[in-house]
Amino acid sequence: MPTYDYKCEKCGHLFEIEQRITEDPLKYCPKCKGSIRRLINPVGIVFKGSGFHINDYSKDRKSTAPPAKTPTTPKKK
């Protein structure tokens, strides 16, 4: 069940409550009975594993291939 944050416009009381998505938003503050509004919070997204552009093609990605060997000239005896 999602958790929603609310803030009272009258007394400033902040609280959170678990509600079903199908339930109507609350309308009144439990402390002062003033009107409240639902707050929108950002959700963190984490991309893990291969198959995501951010992981497979990032700019600071180190090459996994070994460095190419440079040809050396034989030393004269």
PDB file of N, CA and C in Angstrom:
ATOM      1  N   MET A   1       0.845  -1.174   0.000  1.00  0.00           N
ATOM      2  CA  MET A   1       0.000   0.000   0.000  1.00  0.00           C
ATOM      3  C   MET A   1       0.896   1.245   0.000  1.00  0.00           C
ATOM      4  N   PRO A   2       0.596   2.224  -0.840  1.00  0.00           N
ATOM      5  CA  PRO A   2       1.434   3.425  -0.895  1.00  0.00           C
ATOM      6  C   PRO A   2       1.266   4.309   0.349  1.00  0.00           C
ATOM      7  N   THR A   3       2.324   5.039   0.643  1.00  0.00           N
ATOM      8  CA  THR A   3       2.300   5.996   1.744  1.00  0.00           C
ATOM      9  C   THR A   3       2.226   7.394   1.156  1.00  0.00           C
ATOM     10  N   TYR A   4       1.296   8.200   1.660  1.00  0.00           N
ATOM     11  CA  TYR A   4       1.114   9.563   1.168  1.00  0.00           C
ATOM     12  C   TYR A   4       1.439  10.552   2.280  1.00  0.00           C
ATOM     13  N   ASP A   5       2.073  11.667   1.903  1.00  0.00           N
ATOM     14  CA  ASP A   5       2.374  12.748   2.837  1.00  0.00           C
ATOM     15  C   ASP A   5       1.328  13.834   2.683  1.00  0.00           C
ATOM     16  N   TYR A   6       0.912  14.395   3.816  1.00  0.00           N
ATOM     17  CA  TYR A   6      -0.057  15.482   3.829  1.00  0.00           C
ATOM     18  C   TYR A   6       0.477  16.627   4.666  1.00  0.00           C
ATOM     19  N   LYS A   7       0.014  17.836   4.343  1.00  0.00           N
ATOM     20  CA  LYS A   7       0.374  19.020   5.128  1.00  0.00           C
ATOM     21  C   LYS A   7      -0.877  19.854   5.342  1.00  0.00           C
ATOM     22  N   CYS A   8      -1.073  20.267   6.594  1.00  0.00           N
ATOM     23  CA  CYS A   8      -2.212  21.109   6.937  1.00  0.00           C
ATOM     24  C   CYS A   8      -1.906  22.545   6.533  1.00  0.00           C
ATOM     25  N   GLU A   9      -2.847  23.176   5.864  1.00  0.00           N
ATOM     26  CA  GLU A   9      -2.656  24.565   5.445  1.00  0.00           C
ATOM     27  C   GLU A   9      -2.914  25.542   6.587  1.00  0.00           C
ATOM     28  N   LYS A  10      -3.574  25.082   7.640  1.00  0.00           N
ATOM     29  CA  LYS A  10      -3.888  25.960   8.768  1.00  0.00           C
ATOM     30  C   LYS A  10      -2.783  25.940   9.834  1.00  0.00           C
ATOM     31  N   CYS A  11      -2.424  24.748  10.316  1.00  0.00           N
ATOM     32  CA  CYS A  11      -1.445  24.671  11.409  1.00  0.00           C
ATOM     33  C   CYS A  11      -0.062  24.203  10.956  1.00  0.00           C
ATOM     34  N   GLY A  12       0.079  23.748   9.706  1.00  0.00           N
ATOM     35  CA  GLY A  12       1.369  23.315   9.186  1.00  0.00           C
ATOM     36  C   GLY A  12       1.767  21.904   9.585  1.00  0.00           C
ATOM     37  N   HIS A  13       0.865  21.153  10.202  1.00  0.00           N
ATOM     38  CA  HIS A  13       1.142  19.787  10.646  1.00  0.00           C
ATOM     39  C   HIS A  13       1.458  18.895   9.438  1.00  0.00           C
ATOM     40  N   LEU A  14       2.600  18.186   9.489  1.00  0.00           N
ATOM     41  CA  LEU A  14       2.992  17.242   8.445  1.00  0.00           C
ATOM     42  C   LEU A  14       2.773  15.828   8.964  1.00  0.00           C
ATOM     43  N   PHE A  15       2.169  14.986   8.149  1.00  0.00           N
ATOM     44  CA  PHE A  15       1.987  13.595   8.542  1.00  0.00           C
ATOM     45  C   PHE A  15       1.885  12.730   7.298  1.00  0.00           C
ATOM     46  N   GLU A  16       2.095  11.434   7.500  1.00  0.00           N
ATOM     47  CA  GLU A  16       1.972  10.492   6.395  1.00  0.00           C
ATOM     48  C   GLU A  16       1.008   9.393   6.798  1.00  0.00           C
ATOM     49  N   ILE A  17       0.374   8.829   5.795  1.00  0.00           N
ATOM     50  CA  ILE A  17      -0.617   7.794   6.041  1.00  0.00           C
ATOM     51  C   ILE A  17      -0.613   6.807   4.876  1.00  0.00           C
ATOM     52  N   GLU A  18      -0.806   5.536   5.198  1.00  0.00           N
ATOM     53  CA  GLU A  18      -0.926   4.519   4.159  1.00  0.00           C
ATOM     54  C   GLU A  18      -2.366   4.475   3.684  1.00  0.00           C
ATOM     55  N   GLN A  19      -2.532   4.556   2.369  1.00  0.00           N
ATOM     56  CA  GLN A  19      -3.862   4.509   1.774  1.00  0.00           C
ATOM     57  C   GLN A  19      -3.813   3.679   0.506  1.00  0.00           C
ATOM     58  N   ARG A  20      -4.929   3.086   0.174  1.00  0.00           N
ATOM     59  CA  ARG A  20      -5.033   2.409  -1.109  1.00  0.00           C
ATOM     60  C   ARG A  20      -5.088   3.461  -2.210  1.00  0.00           C
ATOM     61  N   ILE A  21      -4.654   3.076  -3.386  1.00  0.00           N
ATOM     62  CA  ILE A  21      -4.672   4.001  -4.519  1.00  0.00           C
ATOM     63  C   ILE A  21      -6.107   4.399  -4.848  1.00  0.00           C
ATOM     64  N   THR A  22      -7.047   3.507  -4.611  1.00  0.00           N
ATOM     65  CA  THR A  22      -8.444   3.768  -4.948  1.00  0.00           C
ATOM     66  C   THR A  22      -9.146   4.655  -3.930  1.00  0.00           C
ATOM     67  N   GLU A  23      -8.539   4.876  -2.765  1.00  0.00           N
ATOM     68  CA  GLU A  23      -9.164   5.716  -1.741  1.00  0.00           C
ATOM     69  C   GLU A  23      -9.061   7.195  -2.116  1.00  0.00           C
ATOM     70  N   ASP A  24     -10.049   7.956  -1.703  1.00  0.00           N
ATOM     71  CA  ASP A  24     -10.017   9.407  -1.904  1.00  0.00           C
ATOM     72  C   ASP A  24      -8.988  10.028  -0.969  1.00  0.00           C
ATOM     73  N   PRO A  25      -8.347  11.138  -1.379  1.00  0.00           N
ATOM     74  CA  PRO A  25      -7.402  11.818  -0.487  1.00  0.00           C
ATOM     75  C   PRO A  25      -8.117  12.349   0.758  1.00  0.00           C
ATOM     76  N   LEU A  26      -7.366  12.448   1.846  1.00  0.00           N
ATOM     77  CA  LEU A  26      -7.929  13.019   3.075  1.00  0.00           C
ATOM     78  C   LEU A  26      -8.215  14.499   2.854  1.00  0.00           C
ATOM     79  N   LYS A  27      -9.148  15.042   3.637  1.00  0.00           N
ATOM     80  CA  LYS A  27      -9.535  16.442   3.467  1.00  0.00           C
ATOM     81  C   LYS A  27      -9.275  17.307   4.692  1.00  0.00           C
ATOM     82  N   TYR A  28      -9.185  16.681   5.884  1.00  0.00           N
ATOM     83  CA  TYR A  28      -9.087  17.463   7.108  1.00  0.00           C
ATOM     84  C   TYR A  28      -7.929  16.998   7.981  1.00  0.00           C
ATOM     85  N   CYS A  29      -7.276  17.940   8.646  1.00  0.00           N
ATOM     86  CA  CYS A  29      -6.151  17.686   9.542  1.00  0.00           C
ATOM     87  C   CYS A  29      -6.644  16.947  10.790  1.00  0.00           C
ATOM     88  N   PRO A  30      -5.910  15.904  11.217  1.00  0.00           N
ATOM     89  CA  PRO A  30      -6.332  15.187  12.423  1.00  0.00           C
ATOM     90  C   PRO A  30      -6.132  16.000  13.708  1.00  0.00           C
ATOM     91  N   LYS A  31      -5.302  17.044  13.673  1.00  0.00           N
ATOM     92  CA  LYS A  31      -5.066  17.862  14.872  1.00  0.00           C
ATOM     93  C   LYS A  31      -6.046  19.025  14.998  1.00  0.00           C
ATOM     94  N   CYS A  32      -6.145  19.843  13.924  1.00  0.00           N
ATOM     95  CA  CYS A  32      -6.937  21.072  14.043  1.00  0.00           C
ATOM     96  C   CYS A  32      -8.170  21.086  13.147  1.00  0.00           C
ATOM     97  N   LYS A  33      -8.368  20.052  12.369  1.00  0.00           N
ATOM     98  CA  LYS A  33      -9.506  19.931  11.435  1.00  0.00           C
ATOM     99  C   LYS A  33      -9.461  20.957  10.302  1.00  0.00           C
ATOM    100  N   GLY A  34      -8.281  21.558  10.065  1.00  0.00           N
ATOM    101  CA  GLY A  34      -8.107  22.473   8.949  1.00  0.00           C
ATOM    102  C   GLY A  34      -7.972  21.700   7.639  1.00  0.00           C
ATOM    103  N   SER A  35      -8.016  22.413   6.538  1.00  0.00           N
ATOM    104  CA  SER A  35      -7.896  21.742   5.239  1.00  0.00           C
ATOM    105  C   SER A  35      -6.441  21.328   5.008  1.00  0.00           C
ATOM    106  N   ILE A  36      -6.259  20.198   4.344  1.00  0.00           N
ATOM    107  CA  ILE A  36      -4.923  19.671   4.079  1.00  0.00           C
ATOM    108  C   ILE A  36      -4.750  19.437   2.585  1.00  0.00           C
ATOM    109  N   ARG A  37      -3.493  19.262   2.177  1.00  0.00           N
ATOM    110  CA  ARG A  37      -3.215  18.922   0.788  1.00  0.00           C
ATOM    111  C   ARG A  37      -2.182  17.810   0.760  1.00  0.00           C
ATOM    112  N   ARG A  38      -2.283  16.983  -0.265  1.00  0.00           N
ATOM    113  CA  ARG A  38      -1.352  15.870  -0.436  1.00  0.00           C
ATOM    114  C   ARG A  38      -0.077  16.405  -1.074  1.00  0.00           C
ATOM    115  N   LEU A  39       1.060  15.990  -0.539  1.00  0.00           N
ATOM    116  CA  LEU A  39       2.350  16.415  -1.061  1.00  0.00           C
ATOM    117  C   LEU A  39       2.868  15.368  -2.039  1.00  0.00           C
ATOM    118  N   ILE A  40       3.540  15.822  -3.069  1.00  0.00           N
ATOM    119  CA  ILE A  40       4.137  14.940  -4.066  1.00  0.00           C
ATOM    120  C   ILE A  40       5.633  14.877  -3.782  1.00  0.00           C
ATOM    121  N   ASN A  41       6.161  13.672  -3.610  1.00  0.00           N
ATOM    122  CA  ASN A  41       7.582  13.480  -3.337  1.00  0.00           C
ATOM    123  C   ASN A  41       8.231  12.760  -4.506  1.00  0.00           C
ATOM    124  N   PRO A  42       9.474  13.129  -4.827  1.00  0.00           N
ATOM    125  CA  PRO A  42      10.165  12.423  -5.913  1.00  0.00           C
ATOM    126  C   PRO A  42      10.518  11.001  -5.501  1.00  0.00           C
ATOM    127  N   VAL A  43      10.594  10.140  -6.488  1.00  0.00           N
ATOM    128  CA  VAL A  43      10.927   8.738  -6.253  1.00  0.00           C
ATOM    129  C   VAL A  43      12.308   8.480  -6.818  1.00  0.00           C
ATOM    130  N   GLY A  44      13.164   7.842  -6.033  1.00  0.00           N
ATOM    131  CA  GLY A  44      14.500   7.510  -6.498  1.00  0.00           C
ATOM    132  C   GLY A  44      14.461   6.285  -7.394  1.00  0.00           C
ATOM    133  N   ILE A  45      15.176   6.355  -8.505  1.00  0.00           N
ATOM    134  CA  ILE A  45      15.238   5.238  -9.433  1.00  0.00           C
ATOM    135  C   ILE A  45      16.685   4.779  -9.533  1.00  0.00           C
ATOM    136  N   VAL A  46      16.903   3.491  -9.391  1.00  0.00           N
ATOM    137  CA  VAL A  46      18.241   2.929  -9.489  1.00  0.00           C
ATOM    138  C   VAL A  46      18.252   1.937 -10.643  1.00  0.00           C
ATOM    139  N   PHE A  47      19.152   2.147 -11.593  1.00  0.00           N
ATOM    140  CA  PHE A  47      19.299   1.247 -12.726  1.00  0.00           C
ATOM    141  C   PHE A  47      20.433   0.281 -12.414  1.00  0.00           C
ATOM    142  N   LYS A  48      20.107  -0.993 -12.283  1.00  0.00           N
ATOM    143  CA  LYS A  48      21.123  -1.999 -11.982  1.00  0.00           C
ATOM    144  C   LYS A  48      21.166  -3.025 -13.094  1.00  0.00           C
ATOM    145  N   GLY A  49      22.348  -3.535 -13.335  1.00  0.00           N
ATOM    146  CA  GLY A  49      22.509  -4.600 -14.311  1.00  0.00           C
ATOM    147  C   GLY A  49      22.726  -4.071 -15.711  1.00  0.00           C
ATOM    148  N   SER A  50      22.987  -5.003 -16.613  1.00  0.00           N
ATOM    149  CA  SER A  50      23.217  -4.604 -17.993  1.00  0.00           C
ATOM    150  C   SER A  50      21.878  -4.397 -18.687  1.00  0.00           C
ATOM    151  N   GLY A  51      21.929  -3.745 -19.816  1.00  0.00           N
ATOM    152  CA  GLY A  51      20.709  -3.496 -20.573  1.00  0.00           C
ATOM    153  C   GLY A  51      20.170  -2.100 -20.405  1.00  0.00           C
ATOM    154  N   PHE A  52      20.783  -1.292 -19.544  1.00  0.00           N
ATOM    155  CA  PHE A  52      20.358   0.087 -19.361  1.00  0.00           C
ATOM    156  C   PHE A  52      21.397   1.001 -19.992  1.00  0.00           C
ATOM    157  N   HIS A  53      20.958   1.975 -20.737  1.00  0.00           N
ATOM    158  CA  HIS A  53      21.867   2.899 -21.420  1.00  0.00           C
ATOM    159  C   HIS A  53      22.830   3.554 -20.432  1.00  0.00           C
ATOM    160  N   ILE A  54      22.347   3.919 -19.273  1.00  0.00           N
ATOM    161  CA  ILE A  54      23.185   4.625 -18.295  1.00  0.00           C
ATOM    162  C   ILE A  54      24.335   3.746 -17.809  1.00  0.00           C
ATOM    163  N   ASN A  55      24.132   2.428 -17.765  1.00  0.00           N
ATOM    164  CA  ASN A  55      25.187   1.525 -17.312  1.00  0.00           C
ATOM    165  C   ASN A  55      26.088   1.071 -18.446  1.00  0.00           C
ATOM    166  N   ASP A  56      25.521   0.830 -19.607  1.00  0.00           N
ATOM    167  CA  ASP A  56      26.290   0.274 -20.709  1.00  0.00           C
ATOM    168  C   ASP A  56      27.065   1.307 -21.516  1.00  0.00           C
ATOM    169  N   TYR A  57      26.632   2.543 -21.533  1.00  0.00           N
ATOM    170  CA  TYR A  57      27.253   3.546 -22.396  1.00  0.00           C
ATOM    171  C   TYR A  57      27.626   4.826 -21.649  1.00  0.00           C
ATOM    172  N   SER A  58      27.994   4.715 -20.389  1.00  0.00           N
ATOM    173  CA  SER A  58      28.342   5.916 -19.638  1.00  0.00           C
ATOM    174  C   SER A  58      29.669   6.488 -20.132  1.00  0.00           C
ATOM    175  N   LYS A  59      29.864   7.773 -19.974  1.00  0.00           N
ATOM    176  CA  LYS A  59      31.055   8.453 -20.482  1.00  0.00           C
ATOM    177  C   LYS A  59      32.315   8.042 -19.736  1.00  0.00           C
ATOM    178  N   ASP A  60      32.214   7.777 -18.432  1.00  0.00           N
ATOM    179  CA  ASP A  60      33.405   7.474 -17.643  1.00  0.00           C
ATOM    180  C   ASP A  60      33.696   5.974 -17.568  1.00  0.00           C
ATOM    181  N   ARG A  61      33.082   5.203 -18.429  1.00  0.00           N
ATOM    182  CA  ARG A  61      33.275   3.759 -18.422  1.00  0.00           C
ATOM    183  C   ARG A  61      34.683   3.416 -18.907  1.00  0.00           C
ATOM    184  N   LYS A  62      35.334   2.572 -18.174  1.00  0.00           N
ATOM    185  CA  LYS A  62      36.672   2.118 -18.543  1.00  0.00           C
ATOM    186  C   LYS A  62      36.542   0.966 -19.528  1.00  0.00           C
ATOM    187  N   SER A  63      37.446   0.887 -20.453  1.00  0.00           N
ATOM    188  CA  SER A  63      37.442  -0.195 -21.427  1.00  0.00           C
ATOM    189  C   SER A  63      37.809  -1.497 -20.731  1.00  0.00           C
ATOM    190  N   THR A  64      37.108  -2.569 -21.058  1.00  0.00           N
ATOM    191  CA  THR A  64      37.404  -3.856 -20.451  1.00  0.00           C
ATOM    192  C   THR A  64      38.427  -4.640 -21.257  1.00  0.00           C
ATOM    193  N   ALA A  65      38.731  -4.186 -22.468  1.00  0.00           N
ATOM    194  CA  ALA A  65      39.720  -4.866 -23.305  1.00  0.00           C
ATOM    195  C   ALA A  65      41.124  -4.517 -22.817  1.00  0.00           C
ATOM    196  N   PRO A  66      42.057  -5.485 -22.889  1.00  0.00           N
ATOM    197  CA  PRO A  66      43.422  -5.175 -22.463  1.00  0.00           C
ATOM    198  C   PRO A  66      44.056  -4.181 -23.433  1.00  0.00           C
ATOM    199  N   PRO A  67      44.982  -3.372 -22.966  1.00  0.00           N
ATOM    200  CA  PRO A  67      45.610  -2.390 -23.855  1.00  0.00           C
ATOM    201  C   PRO A  67      46.405  -3.100 -24.952  1.00  0.00           C
ATOM    202  N   ALA A  68      46.417  -2.498 -26.124  1.00  0.00           N
ATOM    203  CA  ALA A  68      47.136  -3.083 -27.261  1.00  0.00           C
ATOM    204  C   ALA A  68      48.631  -2.985 -27.027  1.00  0.00           C
ATOM    205  N   LYS A  69      49.346  -4.049 -27.394  1.00  0.00           N
ATOM    206  CA  LYS A  69      50.794  -4.031 -27.209  1.00  0.00           C
ATOM    207  C   LYS A  69      51.423  -3.289 -28.390  1.00  0.00           C
ATOM    208  N   THR A  70      52.409  -2.494 -28.067  1.00  0.00           N
ATOM    209  CA  THR A  70      53.121  -1.773 -29.119  1.00  0.00           C
ATOM    210  C   THR A  70      54.274  -2.633 -29.598  1.00  0.00           C
ATOM    211  N   PRO A  71      54.507  -2.667 -30.906  1.00  0.00           N
ATOM    212  CA  PRO A  71      55.625  -3.489 -31.407  1.00  0.00           C
ATOM    213  C   PRO A  71      56.950  -2.945 -30.930  1.00  0.00           C
ATOM    214  N   THR A  72      57.803  -3.846 -30.542  1.00  0.00           N
ATOM    215  CA  THR A  72      59.132  -3.421 -30.080  1.00  0.00           C
ATOM    216  C   THR A  72      60.177  -3.827 -31.103  1.00  0.00           C
ATOM    217  N   THR A  73      61.204  -3.048 -31.207  1.00  0.00           N
ATOM    218  CA  THR A  73      62.290  -3.370 -32.136  1.00  0.00           C
ATOM    219  C   THR A  73      63.308  -4.228 -31.394  1.00  0.00           C
ATOM    220  N   PRO A  74      63.830  -5.241 -32.055  1.00  0.00           N
ATOM    221  CA  PRO A  74      64.827  -6.073 -31.374  1.00  0.00           C
ATOM    222  C   PRO A  74      66.105  -5.285 -31.108  1.00  0.00           C
ATOM    223  N   LYS A  75      66.727  -5.568 -29.991  1.00  0.00           N
ATOM    224  CA  LYS A  75      67.982  -4.879 -29.626  1.00  0.00           C
ATOM    225  C   LYS A  75      69.125  -5.486 -30.405  1.00  0.00           C
ATOM    226  N   LYS A  76      70.064  -4.616 -30.805  1.00  0.00           N
ATOM    227  CA  LYS A  76      71.252  -5.075 -31.530  1.00  0.00           C
ATOM    228  C   LYS A  76      72.305  -5.529 -30.533  1.00  0.00           C
ATOM    229  N   LYS A  77      72.985  -6.583 -30.869  1.00  0.00           N
ATOM    230  CA  LYS A  77      74.008  -7.122 -29.978  1.00  0.00           C
ATOM    231  C   LYS A  77      75.365  -6.646 -30.332  1.00  0.00           C
TER     232      LYS A  77
END
